[in-house]
Structures are given as structure tokens and as C-alpha cells.
Amino acid sequence: AKLEEGYSIRAVAAQFEINKNTIVEWKKRIEIKKTRVRKPSKINDDALREDVEKYPDAYQYERAARFNCGVSSIGAALKRLNITVKKRR
């Protein structure tokens, strides 16, 4: 905020009693933050919900085989949909 008001990096560093390099690094970190562009999921959300309803006791590797993807992709999709599937004992 002080930098936006026109204060120099040295003046701000002196005021807060920190090294000027700290402010430079903070400034870089703020400027670089951008949202990551991700490719869309290979797994259709509605199809996965149906699969969970149809096969509630299926293992993730079985779902992965049905959806032709990796087990970690199934796990990530289930997490994204807030679906927790625990095996009954």
C-alpha cells in the first residue's frame, strides 16, 4: 500500500525495519500470481456419479478401467465431487 502511495522501497523498508530485498521479493510474488490453466477432466462428472450409484462397492482401479484413465484421476474426480466411498467391513 505504501509503495502504491509513492513511497520508495528503501523508505518503506526503513519504516518497517526490514531489508529492502524482502519488499522486492514480496512485490515479485504478488505480481507473478496468476491462475493456472488446466485442461478439462477426462472424466464426465455425471457419468462418474452414475457409476458410483451403480457400483457403490467398486474399487477405484475398477472405475479407472471403466473410464479408461488412471486411478489417481478417479481419486481426484471423486474428491472434486465430494464423494467419499468407503468399503464396508
N, C-alpha and C. Protein backbone atom coordinates (compact mmCIF):
# COMPACT_ATOMS: atom_id res chain seq x y z
N ALA A 1 0.83 -1.19 0.00
CA ALA A 1 0.00 0.00 0.00
C ALA A 1 0.87 1.25 0.00
N LYS A 2 1.94 1.22 0.78
CA LYS A 2 2.83 2.38 0.85
C LYS A 2 3.52 2.61 -0.49
N LEU A 3 3.89 1.50 -1.17
CA LEU A 3 4.54 1.65 -2.47
C LEU A 3 3.58 2.28 -3.48
N GLU A 4 2.31 1.90 -3.40
CA GLU A 4 1.31 2.46 -4.30
C GLU A 4 1.08 3.94 -4.02
N GLU A 5 1.33 4.36 -2.79
CA GLU A 5 1.18 5.77 -2.43
C GLU A 5 2.37 6.60 -2.89
N GLY A 6 3.38 5.95 -3.46
CA GLY A 6 4.52 6.69 -4.00
C GLY A 6 5.78 6.61 -3.17
N TYR A 7 5.75 5.91 -2.05
CA TYR A 7 6.95 5.77 -1.23
C TYR A 7 7.94 4.85 -1.94
N SER A 8 9.24 5.10 -1.72
CA SER A 8 10.25 4.24 -2.33
C SER A 8 10.38 2.96 -1.51
N ILE A 9 10.98 1.96 -2.14
CA ILE A 9 11.19 0.68 -1.46
C ILE A 9 12.09 0.89 -0.24
N ARG A 10 13.11 1.73 -0.39
CA ARG A 10 14.03 1.99 0.74
C ARG A 10 13.29 2.65 1.90
N ALA A 11 12.41 3.60 1.58
CA ALA A 11 11.68 4.31 2.64
C ALA A 11 10.75 3.36 3.39
N VAL A 12 10.08 2.49 2.64
CA VAL A 12 9.16 1.53 3.26
C VAL A 12 9.95 0.54 4.12
N ALA A 13 11.10 0.08 3.59
CA ALA A 13 11.94 -0.86 4.34
C ALA A 13 12.42 -0.23 5.64
N ALA A 14 12.81 1.02 5.58
CA ALA A 14 13.28 1.71 6.78
C ALA A 14 12.14 1.89 7.79
N GLN A 15 10.96 2.22 7.29
CA GLN A 15 9.82 2.43 8.18
C GLN A 15 9.44 1.16 8.94
N PHE A 16 9.47 0.02 8.24
CA PHE A 16 9.08 -1.25 8.87
C PHE A 16 10.27 -2.03 9.43
N GLU A 17 11.46 -1.45 9.28
CA GLU A 17 12.70 -2.05 9.78
C GLU A 17 12.92 -3.46 9.24
N ILE A 18 12.79 -3.57 7.93
CA ILE A 18 13.09 -4.83 7.25
C ILE A 18 14.03 -4.54 6.08
N ASN A 19 14.64 -5.58 5.56
CA ASN A 19 15.56 -5.43 4.44
C ASN A 19 14.79 -5.08 3.18
N LYS A 20 15.36 -4.22 2.35
CA LYS A 20 14.67 -3.81 1.12
C LYS A 20 14.47 -4.99 0.17
N ASN A 21 15.37 -5.97 0.22
CA ASN A 21 15.22 -7.15 -0.64
C ASN A 21 13.95 -7.93 -0.31
N THR A 22 13.56 -7.90 0.95
CA THR A 22 12.32 -8.57 1.36
C THR A 22 11.13 -7.96 0.64
N ILE A 23 11.10 -6.64 0.58
CA ILE A 23 9.99 -5.96 -0.10
C ILE A 23 10.01 -6.26 -1.59
N VAL A 24 11.20 -6.28 -2.17
CA VAL A 24 11.33 -6.59 -3.61
C VAL A 24 10.78 -8.00 -3.88
N GLU A 25 11.13 -8.96 -3.03
CA GLU A 25 10.65 -10.34 -3.21
C GLU A 25 9.14 -10.43 -3.02
N TRP A 26 8.60 -9.74 -2.02
CA TRP A 26 7.15 -9.74 -1.80
C TRP A 26 6.44 -9.16 -3.02
N LYS A 27 7.00 -8.09 -3.55
CA LYS A 27 6.40 -7.43 -4.71
C LYS A 27 6.38 -8.38 -5.92
N LYS A 28 7.49 -9.09 -6.13
CA LYS A 28 7.56 -10.06 -7.24
C LYS A 28 6.51 -11.15 -7.06
N ARG A 29 6.40 -11.67 -5.84
CA ARG A 29 5.49 -12.76 -5.55
C ARG A 29 4.04 -12.35 -5.84
N ILE A 30 3.69 -11.13 -5.50
CA ILE A 30 2.33 -10.64 -5.73
C ILE A 30 2.06 -10.48 -7.23
N GLU A 31 3.04 -9.97 -7.97
CA GLU A 31 2.86 -9.72 -9.40
C GLU A 31 2.77 -11.00 -10.21
N ILE A 32 3.49 -12.04 -9.79
CA ILE A 32 3.56 -13.28 -10.56
C ILE A 32 2.30 -14.13 -10.42
N LYS A 33 1.59 -14.01 -9.31
CA LYS A 33 0.42 -14.86 -9.06
C LYS A 33 -0.60 -14.76 -10.19
N LYS A 34 -0.78 -15.86 -10.89
CA LYS A 34 -1.80 -15.95 -11.93
C LYS A 34 -2.47 -17.30 -11.79
N THR A 35 -3.69 -17.40 -12.27
CA THR A 35 -4.38 -18.68 -12.18
C THR A 35 -3.82 -19.63 -13.22
N ARG A 36 -3.72 -20.87 -12.82
CA ARG A 36 -3.21 -21.90 -13.72
C ARG A 36 -4.31 -22.36 -14.65
N VAL A 37 -3.99 -22.51 -15.92
CA VAL A 37 -4.97 -23.01 -16.87
C VAL A 37 -4.83 -24.53 -16.91
N ARG A 38 -5.90 -25.21 -16.56
CA ARG A 38 -5.87 -26.68 -16.55
C ARG A 38 -6.69 -27.21 -17.70
N LYS A 39 -6.27 -28.36 -18.20
CA LYS A 39 -7.08 -28.98 -19.23
C LYS A 39 -8.30 -29.61 -18.56
N PRO A 40 -9.41 -29.67 -19.26
CA PRO A 40 -10.61 -30.23 -18.64
C PRO A 40 -10.43 -31.71 -18.29
N SER A 41 -11.15 -32.14 -17.30
CA SER A 41 -11.06 -33.53 -16.85
C SER A 41 -11.56 -34.47 -17.93
N LYS A 42 -10.90 -35.62 -18.02
CA LYS A 42 -11.29 -36.63 -18.99
C LYS A 42 -12.57 -37.34 -18.54
N ILE A 43 -12.84 -37.25 -17.24
CA ILE A 43 -13.96 -37.98 -16.64
C ILE A 43 -15.19 -37.09 -16.57
N ASN A 44 -16.29 -37.56 -17.13
CA ASN A 44 -17.55 -36.83 -17.08
C ASN A 44 -18.13 -36.96 -15.67
N ASP A 45 -18.44 -35.83 -15.05
CA ASP A 45 -18.92 -35.83 -13.66
C ASP A 45 -20.21 -36.63 -13.49
N ASP A 46 -21.16 -36.43 -14.41
CA ASP A 46 -22.44 -37.14 -14.30
C ASP A 46 -22.25 -38.65 -14.47
N ALA A 47 -21.38 -39.03 -15.39
CA ALA A 47 -21.12 -40.45 -15.62
C ALA A 47 -20.47 -41.08 -14.38
N LEU A 48 -19.59 -40.34 -13.74
CA LEU A 48 -18.94 -40.87 -12.53
C LEU A 48 -19.95 -41.02 -11.40
N ARG A 49 -20.84 -40.04 -11.25
CA ARG A 49 -21.88 -40.15 -10.22
C ARG A 49 -22.74 -41.39 -10.46
N GLU A 50 -23.12 -41.61 -11.73
CA GLU A 50 -23.91 -42.80 -12.07
C GLU A 50 -23.16 -44.07 -11.73
N ASP A 51 -21.86 -44.08 -12.05
CA ASP A 51 -21.04 -45.25 -11.79
C ASP A 51 -20.97 -45.55 -10.29
N VAL A 52 -20.86 -44.50 -9.48
CA VAL A 52 -20.80 -44.68 -8.02
C VAL A 52 -22.13 -45.24 -7.52
N GLU A 53 -23.24 -44.76 -8.09
CA GLU A 53 -24.56 -45.28 -7.68
C GLU A 53 -24.75 -46.72 -8.13
N LYS A 54 -24.29 -47.03 -9.34
CA LYS A 54 -24.48 -48.37 -9.89
C LYS A 54 -23.55 -49.39 -9.22
N TYR A 55 -22.31 -48.98 -8.95
CA TYR A 55 -21.32 -49.87 -8.33
C TYR A 55 -20.77 -49.21 -7.06
N PRO A 56 -21.55 -49.17 -5.99
CA PRO A 56 -21.10 -48.46 -4.78
C PRO A 56 -19.89 -49.09 -4.10
N ASP A 57 -19.67 -50.38 -4.30
CA ASP A 57 -18.56 -51.07 -3.63
C ASP A 57 -17.35 -51.28 -4.52
N ALA A 58 -17.33 -50.65 -5.69
CA ALA A 58 -16.23 -50.85 -6.63
C ALA A 58 -14.96 -50.16 -6.14
N TYR A 59 -13.83 -50.77 -6.46
CA TYR A 59 -12.53 -50.17 -6.16
C TYR A 59 -12.23 -49.08 -7.19
N GLN A 60 -11.33 -48.18 -6.83
CA GLN A 60 -11.00 -47.10 -7.77
C GLN A 60 -10.33 -47.64 -9.03
N TYR A 61 -9.54 -48.70 -8.90
CA TYR A 61 -8.89 -49.24 -10.10
C TYR A 61 -9.92 -49.84 -11.06
N GLU A 62 -11.04 -50.34 -10.52
CA GLU A 62 -12.11 -50.85 -11.39
C GLU A 62 -12.79 -49.70 -12.12
N ARG A 63 -13.03 -48.60 -11.41
CA ARG A 63 -13.61 -47.42 -12.06
C ARG A 63 -12.66 -46.89 -13.13
N ALA A 64 -11.38 -46.87 -12.81
CA ALA A 64 -10.38 -46.37 -13.76
C ALA A 64 -10.40 -47.19 -15.04
N ALA A 65 -10.58 -48.50 -14.91
CA ALA A 65 -10.65 -49.36 -16.10
C ALA A 65 -11.90 -49.04 -16.92
N ARG A 66 -13.02 -48.80 -16.25
CA ARG A 66 -14.26 -48.47 -16.96
C ARG A 66 -14.17 -47.11 -17.67
N PHE A 67 -13.46 -46.16 -17.05
CA PHE A 67 -13.36 -44.81 -17.63
C PHE A 67 -12.10 -44.62 -18.48
N ASN A 68 -11.30 -45.66 -18.58
CA ASN A 68 -10.08 -45.62 -19.38
C ASN A 68 -9.16 -44.46 -18.94
N CYS A 69 -8.88 -44.42 -17.64
CA CYS A 69 -8.00 -43.38 -17.11
C CYS A 69 -7.23 -43.96 -15.92
N GLY A 70 -6.44 -43.15 -15.28
CA GLY A 70 -5.64 -43.60 -14.15
C GLY A 70 -6.42 -43.59 -12.84
N VAL A 71 -5.93 -44.36 -11.88
CA VAL A 71 -6.56 -44.44 -10.56
C VAL A 71 -6.53 -43.07 -9.88
N SER A 72 -5.42 -42.35 -10.05
CA SER A 72 -5.31 -41.03 -9.42
C SER A 72 -6.32 -40.05 -10.00
N SER A 73 -6.64 -40.22 -11.29
CA SER A 73 -7.66 -39.35 -11.91
C SER A 73 -9.03 -39.61 -11.30
N ILE A 74 -9.32 -40.88 -11.03
CA ILE A 74 -10.60 -41.22 -10.39
C ILE A 74 -10.64 -40.62 -8.99
N GLY A 75 -9.55 -40.77 -8.26
CA GLY A 75 -9.49 -40.22 -6.91
C GLY A 75 -9.68 -38.71 -6.90
N ALA A 76 -9.04 -38.02 -7.84
CA ALA A 76 -9.17 -36.56 -7.92
C ALA A 76 -10.59 -36.16 -8.29
N ALA A 77 -11.21 -36.91 -9.21
CA ALA A 77 -12.58 -36.59 -9.63
C ALA A 77 -13.56 -36.82 -8.48
N LEU A 78 -13.38 -37.91 -7.74
CA LEU A 78 -14.25 -38.18 -6.59
C LEU A 78 -14.10 -37.09 -5.54
N LYS A 79 -12.87 -36.65 -5.33
CA LYS A 79 -12.63 -35.59 -4.36
C LYS A 79 -13.28 -34.28 -4.83
N ARG A 80 -13.15 -33.99 -6.12
CA ARG A 80 -13.74 -32.77 -6.68
C ARG A 80 -15.25 -32.76 -6.51
N LEU A 81 -15.87 -33.94 -6.60
CA LEU A 81 -17.32 -34.07 -6.47
C LEU A 81 -17.75 -34.28 -5.01
N ASN A 82 -16.79 -34.26 -4.10
CA ASN A 82 -17.07 -34.50 -2.67
C ASN A 82 -17.74 -35.85 -2.43
N ILE A 83 -17.29 -36.85 -3.16
CA ILE A 83 -17.82 -38.20 -2.98
C ILE A 83 -16.76 -39.00 -2.24
N THR A 84 -17.15 -39.50 -1.07
CA THR A 84 -16.24 -40.38 -0.34
C THR A 84 -16.85 -41.76 -0.36
N VAL A 85 -16.10 -42.69 -0.86
CA VAL A 85 -16.59 -44.06 -0.97
C VAL A 85 -15.70 -44.92 -0.09
N LYS A 86 -16.26 -45.41 1.00
CA LYS A 86 -15.51 -46.27 1.91
C LYS A 86 -16.05 -47.68 1.81
N LYS A 87 -15.15 -48.63 1.89
CA LYS A 87 -15.55 -50.03 1.83
C LYS A 87 -16.25 -50.40 3.14
N ARG A 88 -17.28 -51.19 3.03
CA ARG A 88 -17.98 -51.68 4.23
C ARG A 88 -17.20 -52.86 4.79
N ARG A 89 -17.15 -52.95 6.12
CA ARG A 89 -16.43 -54.08 6.73
C ARG A 89 -17.39 -55.06 7.32
